Protein backbone atom coordinates (compact mmCIF):
# COMPACT_ATOMS: atom_id res chain seq x y z
CA MET A 1 0.05 -0.08 -0.09
CA SER A 2 1.59 3.55 -0.86
CA TRP A 3 2.18 6.10 1.41
CA ASN A 4 -0.77 8.44 0.65
CA GLU A 5 -3.07 5.63 -0.11
CA PRO A 6 -6.28 6.11 1.99
CA GLY A 7 -7.00 4.00 5.02
CA GLY A 8 -7.57 4.31 8.52
CA GLY A 9 -5.21 3.77 11.50
CA ASN A 10 -2.85 6.09 13.45
CA ASN A 11 0.34 4.59 11.69
CA LYS A 12 -0.97 6.07 8.25
CA PRO A 13 1.85 8.51 7.08
CA LYS A 14 1.05 12.56 6.93
CA ASP A 15 -0.11 13.76 3.54
CA PRO A 16 2.76 15.99 2.15
CA TRP A 17 0.29 18.33 0.56
CA GLY A 18 -0.90 19.57 3.93
CA GLY A 19 -4.21 17.68 4.44
CA GLY A 20 -4.76 14.97 6.68
CA ASP A 21 -7.48 13.17 4.44
CA GLN A 22 -6.91 15.65 1.43
CA GLY A 23 -5.44 14.40 -1.75
CA PRO A 24 -3.10 16.01 -4.11
CA PRO A 25 -4.08 19.65 -5.39
CA ASP A 26 -5.85 19.71 -8.80
CA LEU A 27 -3.51 21.26 -11.66
CA ASP A 28 -6.62 22.97 -13.09
CA GLU A 29 -7.47 24.70 -10.05
CA ALA A 30 -3.65 25.90 -9.97
CA LEU A 31 -3.74 27.37 -13.25
CA LYS A 32 -7.16 29.10 -12.71
CA LYS A 33 -5.60 30.81 -9.62
CA LEU A 34 -2.65 31.91 -11.52
CA GLN A 35 -5.24 33.30 -14.39
CA GLU A 36 -7.07 35.26 -11.67
CA LYS A 37 -3.99 36.83 -10.28
CA MET A 38 -2.85 37.98 -13.72
CA GLY A 39 -6.19 39.09 -14.53
CA GLY A 40 -6.18 41.41 -11.40
CA LEU A 41 -2.90 42.83 -12.27
CA PHE A 42 -4.20 43.76 -15.94
CA GLY A 43 -7.51 45.02 -14.76
CA GLY A 44 -9.51 41.59 -15.48
CA ARG A 45 -12.13 40.19 -13.32
CA GLY A 46 -11.37 37.04 -11.27
CA GLY A 47 -13.64 34.43 -9.99
CA SER A 48 -14.38 30.98 -10.78
CA SER A 49 -15.79 30.02 -13.70
CA GLY A 50 -17.57 26.49 -12.82
CA ALA A 51 -16.56 22.96 -12.71
CA ALA A 52 -17.24 22.11 -15.90
CA GLY A 53 -15.37 25.04 -17.78
CA GLY A 54 -12.27 25.14 -15.57
CA SER A 55 -10.34 22.76 -17.69
CA GLY A 56 -11.24 24.37 -20.95
CA GLY A 57 -10.31 28.17 -20.15
CA GLY A 58 -7.45 28.54 -18.18
CA ILE A 59 -4.59 27.44 -20.31
CA PRO A 60 -5.31 30.10 -23.10
CA GLY A 61 -5.38 32.84 -20.24
CA ALA A 62 -2.01 31.74 -19.06
CA LEU A 63 -0.43 31.85 -22.50
CA LEU A 64 -1.70 35.05 -22.94
CA ALA A 65 -0.07 36.34 -19.83
CA VAL A 66 3.17 34.92 -20.77
CA VAL A 67 2.97 36.55 -24.18
CA ALA A 68 1.88 40.11 -23.01
CA ALA A 69 4.81 39.79 -20.65
CA GLY A 70 7.34 38.93 -23.29
CA ALA A 71 5.91 41.60 -25.63
CA LEU A 72 6.07 44.19 -22.67
CA LEU A 73 9.97 43.27 -22.28
CA VAL A 74 10.60 43.24 -26.08
CA TRP A 75 8.88 46.62 -26.08
CA ALA A 76 11.00 48.09 -23.35
CA LEU A 77 14.34 46.72 -24.75
CA MET A 78 13.75 48.30 -28.25
CA GLY A 79 13.53 51.93 -26.35
CA PHE A 80 17.26 51.93 -25.73
CA TYR A 81 19.67 53.39 -28.35
CA GLN A 82 22.98 54.98 -28.42
CA VAL A 83 23.92 58.51 -29.22
CA ASP A 84 27.42 59.02 -30.73
CA GLN A 85 29.65 61.99 -29.31
CA GLN A 86 29.54 63.68 -32.89
CA GLU A 87 25.64 63.33 -32.82
CA ARG A 88 22.51 64.93 -31.37
CA ALA A 89 19.21 63.25 -31.22
CA VAL A 90 15.84 64.84 -31.56
CA VAL A 91 12.92 63.39 -29.68
CA LEU A 92 9.21 63.90 -31.14
CA ARG A 93 6.62 62.57 -28.60
CA PHE A 94 3.41 61.80 -31.14
CA GLY A 95 4.91 63.91 -33.54
CA LYS A 96 5.54 66.86 -31.43
CA TYR A 97 9.09 68.22 -30.38
CA HIS A 98 9.84 66.80 -27.08
CA SER A 99 13.87 67.42 -26.28
CA THR A 100 17.33 67.09 -27.76
CA VAL A 101 19.25 64.16 -26.61
CA GLN A 102 23.02 64.73 -25.67
CA PRO A 103 25.47 61.74 -26.61
CA GLY A 104 25.28 58.65 -24.43
CA LEU A 105 22.91 55.56 -23.86
CA GLN A 106 19.41 56.73 -23.94
CA TRP A 107 16.01 55.24 -23.54
CA ASN A 108 12.58 56.38 -24.97
CA PRO A 109 9.35 54.62 -25.19
CA PRO A 110 8.91 53.04 -28.66
CA LEU A 111 6.15 53.84 -30.91
CA ILE A 112 5.31 56.85 -28.79
CA ASP A 113 8.78 58.77 -29.27
CA GLU A 114 10.47 59.14 -32.68
CA VAL A 115 14.09 59.81 -32.51
CA ILE A 116 15.95 61.42 -35.17
CA GLN A 117 19.69 61.28 -34.90
CA VAL A 118 21.85 64.26 -36.51
CA ASN A 119 25.52 64.56 -37.03
CA THR A 120 26.44 68.14 -35.90
CA THR A 121 30.18 67.79 -36.72
CA LYS A 122 30.43 66.36 -40.06
CA VAL A 123 31.38 68.91 -42.78
CA ARG A 124 28.83 68.69 -45.51
CA ALA A 125 29.62 70.27 -49.05
CA VAL A 126 27.55 71.29 -52.02
CA SER A 127 28.69 72.65 -55.28
CA PHE A 128 26.81 74.11 -58.31
CA ARG A 129 27.53 75.92 -61.67
CA GLU A 130 25.67 78.95 -62.76
CA ILE A 131 25.75 81.60 -65.56
CA MET A 132 24.91 84.98 -65.01
CA LEU A 133 25.26 88.76 -65.72
CA THR A 134 28.01 91.16 -64.08
CA ARG A 135 27.70 94.70 -63.52
CA ASP A 136 29.27 95.64 -66.86
CA GLU A 137 26.52 93.27 -68.74
CA ASN A 138 28.96 90.58 -69.54
CA ILE A 139 28.00 86.92 -69.12
CA VAL A 140 30.11 84.69 -66.81
CA GLU A 141 30.12 80.95 -65.79
CA VAL A 142 30.79 80.54 -62.08
CA LYS A 143 31.30 77.36 -59.93
CA LEU A 144 30.68 77.77 -56.44
CA SER A 145 31.60 75.34 -53.50
CA VAL A 146 30.08 75.48 -49.90
CA GLN A 147 30.74 73.71 -46.94
CA TYR A 148 28.58 73.76 -44.00
CA VAL A 149 27.72 72.04 -40.43
CA ILE A 150 24.60 71.83 -38.55
CA ASN A 151 24.91 73.60 -35.56
CA ASP A 152 21.05 73.61 -34.54
CA PRO A 153 19.64 70.07 -34.97
CA ASP A 154 16.10 71.16 -33.79
CA LYS A 155 15.76 73.69 -36.37
CA PHE A 156 17.28 71.37 -38.90
CA VAL A 157 14.91 68.80 -38.43
CA LEU A 158 11.60 70.57 -37.79
CA LYS A 159 11.95 74.41 -39.16
CA VAL A 160 12.45 73.38 -42.97
CA ARG A 161 11.28 70.62 -44.95
CA ASP A 162 14.22 70.38 -46.92
CA PRO A 163 17.27 72.52 -45.43
CA GLU A 164 19.74 71.10 -47.92
CA ARG A 165 17.81 72.24 -50.94
CA SER A 166 17.10 75.66 -49.26
CA LEU A 167 20.73 76.07 -48.71
CA GLN A 168 21.62 75.23 -52.54
CA HIS A 169 18.72 77.83 -53.57
CA ALA A 170 19.87 80.54 -51.10
CA ALA A 171 23.64 79.96 -52.37
CA GLN A 172 22.52 80.61 -56.02
CA SER A 173 20.84 83.66 -54.93
CA ALA A 174 23.76 85.20 -52.86
CA LEU A 175 26.14 84.52 -55.70
CA ARG A 176 23.74 86.17 -58.36
CA HIS A 177 23.47 89.35 -56.08
CA VAL A 178 27.26 89.66 -55.44
CA VAL A 179 28.44 88.74 -59.15
CA GLY A 180 25.82 91.18 -60.43
CA GLY A 181 27.17 94.05 -58.74
CA THR A 182 30.85 93.32 -59.66
CA ARG A 183 32.71 93.87 -62.97
CA MET A 184 33.70 91.04 -65.18
CA ASP A 185 37.52 91.49 -64.96
CA LEU A 186 37.22 91.30 -61.20
CA VAL A 187 35.12 88.09 -61.22
CA LEU A 188 37.66 86.42 -63.71
CA THR A 189 40.96 87.45 -62.02
CA GLU A 190 41.85 88.74 -58.33
CA GLY A 191 38.22 89.54 -57.14
CA ARG A 192 37.20 85.75 -56.62
CA ALA A 193 38.26 85.88 -53.14
CA GLN A 194 36.45 88.77 -52.22
CA ILE A 195 33.31 87.29 -53.85
CA ALA A 196 33.70 84.22 -51.75
CA ILE A 197 33.76 86.40 -48.63
CA ASP A 198 30.82 88.25 -49.87
CA VAL A 199 28.67 85.12 -50.73
CA GLN A 200 29.25 83.58 -47.51
CA GLN A 201 28.29 86.57 -45.54
CA ARG A 202 24.93 87.22 -47.48
CA LEU A 203 24.21 83.34 -47.59
CA GLN A 204 24.61 83.03 -43.71
CA GLU A 205 22.07 85.93 -43.27
CA TYR A 206 19.67 84.19 -45.66
CA ILE A 207 19.69 80.77 -43.91
CA ASP A 208 19.60 82.22 -40.47
CA MET A 209 16.24 83.84 -41.80
CA TYR A 210 15.04 80.84 -43.19
CA GLU A 211 15.84 78.97 -39.50
CA THR A 212 17.60 76.06 -41.05
CA GLY A 213 20.01 75.60 -38.16
CA ILE A 214 23.02 75.40 -40.56
CA LEU A 215 26.40 77.21 -40.17
CA ILE A 216 28.38 78.09 -43.29
CA SER A 217 32.06 77.08 -42.40
CA GLN A 218 33.52 78.17 -45.87
CA VAL A 219 32.72 79.44 -49.46
CA THR A 220 34.95 78.85 -52.18
CA VAL A 221 34.77 80.15 -56.13
CA ASP A 222 36.27 77.10 -57.78
CA GLU A 223 36.21 78.46 -61.29
CA SER A 224 34.89 81.78 -62.94
CA LYS A 225 35.41 81.71 -66.89
CA PRO A 226 33.22 83.39 -69.96
CA PRO A 227 30.84 81.08 -71.57
CA SER A 228 32.37 78.44 -74.07
CA GLN A 229 30.63 80.40 -76.91
CA VAL A 230 32.85 83.30 -76.47
CA GLN A 231 36.00 81.65 -74.90
CA ALA A 232 38.18 82.59 -77.82
CA ALA A 233 37.24 86.11 -77.63
CA PHE A 234 37.96 86.32 -74.06
CA ASP A 235 41.17 84.43 -74.51
CA ASP A 236 42.45 87.07 -76.84
CA VAL A 237 41.48 89.76 -74.27
CA ILE A 238 43.41 88.21 -71.50
CA LYS A 239 46.46 87.63 -73.87
CA ALA A 240 46.09 91.32 -74.83
CA ARG A 241 46.02 92.22 -70.98
CA GLU A 242 49.22 89.99 -70.34
CA ASP A 243 51.08 91.79 -73.05
CA GLU A 244 50.09 94.83 -71.70
CA GLU A 245 51.28 94.07 -68.29
CA ARG A 246 54.44 92.51 -69.91
CA VAL A 247 55.28 95.78 -72.01
CA LYS A 248 54.84 97.71 -68.81
CA ASN A 249 57.32 95.49 -66.71
CA GLU A 250 59.83 95.86 -69.57
CA ALA A 251 59.32 99.35 -69.74
CA GLN A 252 59.62 99.84 -65.90
CA ALA A 253 62.87 97.59 -65.98
CA TYR A 254 64.35 99.82 -68.75
CA ALA A 255 63.57 102.91 -66.81
CA ASN A 256 65.07 101.34 -63.66
CA GLY A 257 68.16 100.77 -65.61
CA ILE A 258 68.60 103.80 -67.53
CA VAL A 259 67.43 106.35 -65.15
CA PRO A 260 70.15 105.48 -62.53
CA GLU A 261 72.77 105.43 -65.22
CA ALA A 262 71.69 108.88 -66.49
CA ARG A 263 71.70 110.10 -63.18
CA GLY A 264 75.22 108.73 -62.66
CA ALA A 265 76.64 110.38 -65.83
CA ALA A 266 74.98 113.46 -64.88
CA GLN A 267 76.71 113.29 -61.64
CA ARG A 268 79.93 112.57 -63.32
CA GLN A 269 79.78 115.58 -65.31
CA ILE A 270 78.79 117.68 -62.49
CA GLU A 271 81.80 116.41 -60.74
CA GLU A 272 84.29 116.79 -63.70
CA ALA A 273 82.95 120.27 -64.16
CA SER A 274 83.76 120.99 -60.69
CA ALA A 275 87.04 119.52 -60.81
CA TYR A 276 87.80 121.39 -64.14
CA LYS A 277 86.65 124.60 -62.19
CA GLU A 278 89.12 123.84 -59.55
CA GLU A 279 91.82 123.32 -61.92
CA VAL A 280 91.26 126.28 -63.94
CA ILE A 281 91.19 128.48 -60.71
CA ALA A 282 94.31 126.58 -59.45
CA ASN A 283 96.15 127.30 -62.68
CA ALA A 284 95.20 130.92 -62.73
CA GLU A 285 96.19 131.24 -59.18
CA GLY A 286 99.42 129.70 -60.09
CA GLU A 287 100.09 131.59 -63.19
CA ALA A 288 99.12 134.68 -61.08
CA GLU A 289 101.63 133.88 -58.53
CA ARG A 290 104.21 132.94 -61.01
CA PHE A 291 103.74 135.85 -62.80
CA ALA A 292 104.27 138.13 -59.48
CA LYS A 293 107.40 136.29 -58.47
CA LEU A 294 108.88 136.47 -62.16
CA LEU A 295 107.99 140.24 -61.82
CA SER A 296 110.01 140.52 -58.75
CA GLU A 297 112.88 138.77 -60.34
CA TYR A 298 112.69 141.01 -63.52
CA ARG A 299 113.17 143.83 -61.44
CA LYS A 300 116.06 142.56 -59.83
CA ALA A 301 117.86 141.49 -63.17
CA PRO A 302 116.17 142.60 -66.37
CA GLU A 303 118.61 141.34 -68.88
CA VAL A 304 118.98 137.89 -67.42
CA THR A 305 115.28 137.46 -66.85
CA ARG A 306 114.32 138.70 -70.63
CA GLU A 307 117.00 136.05 -72.07
CA ARG A 308 115.45 133.50 -70.22
CA LEU A 309 112.09 134.20 -71.03
CA TYR A 310 113.01 134.51 -74.82
CA LEU A 311 114.54 131.08 -74.47
CA ASP A 312 111.50 129.54 -72.96
CA ALA A 313 109.37 131.09 -75.79
CA VAL A 314 111.67 129.87 -78.31
CA GLN A 315 111.63 126.25 -76.88
CA ARG A 316 107.84 126.21 -76.93
CA VAL A 317 107.74 127.07 -80.63
CA TYR A 318 110.39 124.95 -81.64
CA GLY A 319 108.94 122.00 -79.65
CA ASN A 320 105.60 122.38 -81.62
CA THR A 321 106.74 122.96 -85.11
CA GLY A 322 109.42 121.37 -87.65
CA LYS A 323 109.93 124.46 -89.77
CA VAL A 324 111.62 127.70 -89.05
CA LEU A 325 111.68 130.90 -91.16
CA VAL A 326 114.15 133.35 -90.62
CA ASP A 327 114.15 136.96 -91.94
CA VAL A 328 117.41 138.54 -92.20
CA GLU A 329 117.85 142.29 -92.45
CA GLY A 330 119.25 143.66 -95.39
CA GLY A 331 118.71 140.52 -97.30
CA ASN A 332 116.18 139.80 -99.87
CA ASN A 333 116.15 135.80 -99.61
CA ILE A 334 114.20 134.36 -97.04
CA MET A 335 116.45 131.28 -95.69
CA TYR A 336 114.62 128.12 -94.79
CA LEU A 337 116.23 125.92 -92.10
CA PRO A 338 114.98 122.07 -92.11
CA LEU A 339 115.19 121.79 -88.57
CA ASP A 340 113.46 118.28 -88.98
CA LYS A 341 116.60 117.22 -91.16
CA MET A 342 119.18 118.99 -88.62
CA ALA A 343 117.65 117.21 -85.46
CA PRO A 344 118.72 113.73 -84.62
CA GLY A 345 116.30 110.90 -85.08
CA ASP A 346 113.30 110.02 -87.36
CA SER A 347 112.35 112.58 -90.03
CA GLY A 348 108.97 114.40 -90.21
CA ARG A 349 106.93 116.15 -87.90
CA SER A 350 107.08 113.33 -85.01
CA ALA A 351 110.72 113.63 -85.15
CA ALA A 352 110.73 117.47 -84.82
CA ARG A 353 108.15 117.36 -81.86
CA GLU A 354 110.51 114.40 -80.24
CA PHE A 355 113.45 116.84 -80.48
CA LYS A 356 113.93 118.81 -77.39
CA LEU A 357 116.00 121.80 -77.17
CA ASP A 358 117.93 122.96 -74.36
CA SER A 359 119.59 126.36 -73.56
CA SER A 360 123.18 125.11 -74.96
CA ASN A 361 121.48 123.69 -78.29
CA ILE A 362 119.84 127.13 -79.01
CA ARG A 363 122.69 129.14 -78.45
CA GLU A 364 124.80 126.84 -80.95
CA LEU A 365 122.05 126.83 -83.51
CA THR A 366 121.56 130.66 -82.96
CA ASN A 367 125.39 131.04 -83.51
CA ALA A 368 125.25 128.76 -86.64
CA VAL A 369 122.44 130.62 -88.17
CA THR A 370 124.03 133.92 -87.71
CA GLU A 371 127.45 132.90 -88.90
CA GLN A 372 125.73 131.51 -92.08
CA LEU A 373 124.01 134.56 -92.86
CA ARG A 374 127.20 136.79 -92.29
CA ARG A 375 128.94 134.52 -94.97
CA ASP A 376 126.03 134.68 -97.45
CA ALA A 377 125.88 138.51 -97.04
CA ALA A 378 129.66 138.48 -97.71
CA ALA A 379 129.61 136.42 -100.82
CA SER A 380 126.77 138.40 -102.17
CA GLY A 381 128.70 141.75 -101.76
CA ASN A 382 131.75 140.22 -103.62
CA ARG A 383 129.65 139.29 -106.49
CA ARG A 384 128.32 142.83 -106.88
CA GLY A 385 131.68 144.59 -106.58
CA GLY A 386 133.13 142.47 -109.38
CA ARG A 387 130.50 143.24 -111.68
């Protein structure tokens, strides 16, 4: 006989289910109680359903509770998400702005809140090409690049339907406004940097007015050129402008070379004139002083001084000529003295110039000339007496 088999007697073992004469609990009853408890938690009604329907309705209720608990757990787990350091999350609750979430692990109730993550540190870029008129009514083609970041994720997500497209339209408008007030040569050459600065300033004003939440970091004019239809004519204009600059540079280089040279030559002539002036003044003062000293010596010894002056004059004359004519008193002939033949050395004017006469040579030459004149005069007198 088993330990829980019914029977009488004091030696009968005690029922482990807690009753003396009670049998094991009914499984249907246990599930039914669990169902009632779960129904109380979820707002359902408790109570017994009768003996006949107890075994047919308990099991589906328990499964429903388990499924509901699992669904609740899955729903709670779906609400966790991670926001990176370079991102911000905009939370919409039932379609309305609720908050902006900072980086980290976050939780929001799924299907109730909508989370939109926006990268606020990534540098984005947009570029486009436009053909427009300049202030002097010329057509130019400009390629513009705009770099930007999102500094206000709330406005970027909620204020404008398509902020990037709005940014492109605003950039085109700003570019047309700036280029329309600039001359063509500035757009094509050195004015491109200033155009980029002006476009960035005006574009930032536009997108701030639109509340797009975008911050412009840099605007660059990548290319500016005339349209392809008139490119050849513009190339000729640019070549002519380059030739003009080249000729100007060459002229400036020539001026830089010739002007200092002319100034140097003028200064040299001034210095030479000043030196000549000093030389003439010094010579004049020297001659005046020499004449004064000569006059003093002449007063002391007139004959000697006169002879010396005569010899110096004859020396200067003989030193500059190769021929001497002597006029003899009382004679009809003019005697010619070929001093170039008489002087030693080479013949000709060069020899006469190289022949140097001192006082002794002049005296000997004078005596020889005088003696020859006397002989000629005596011979002429004898010929006349014989006739």
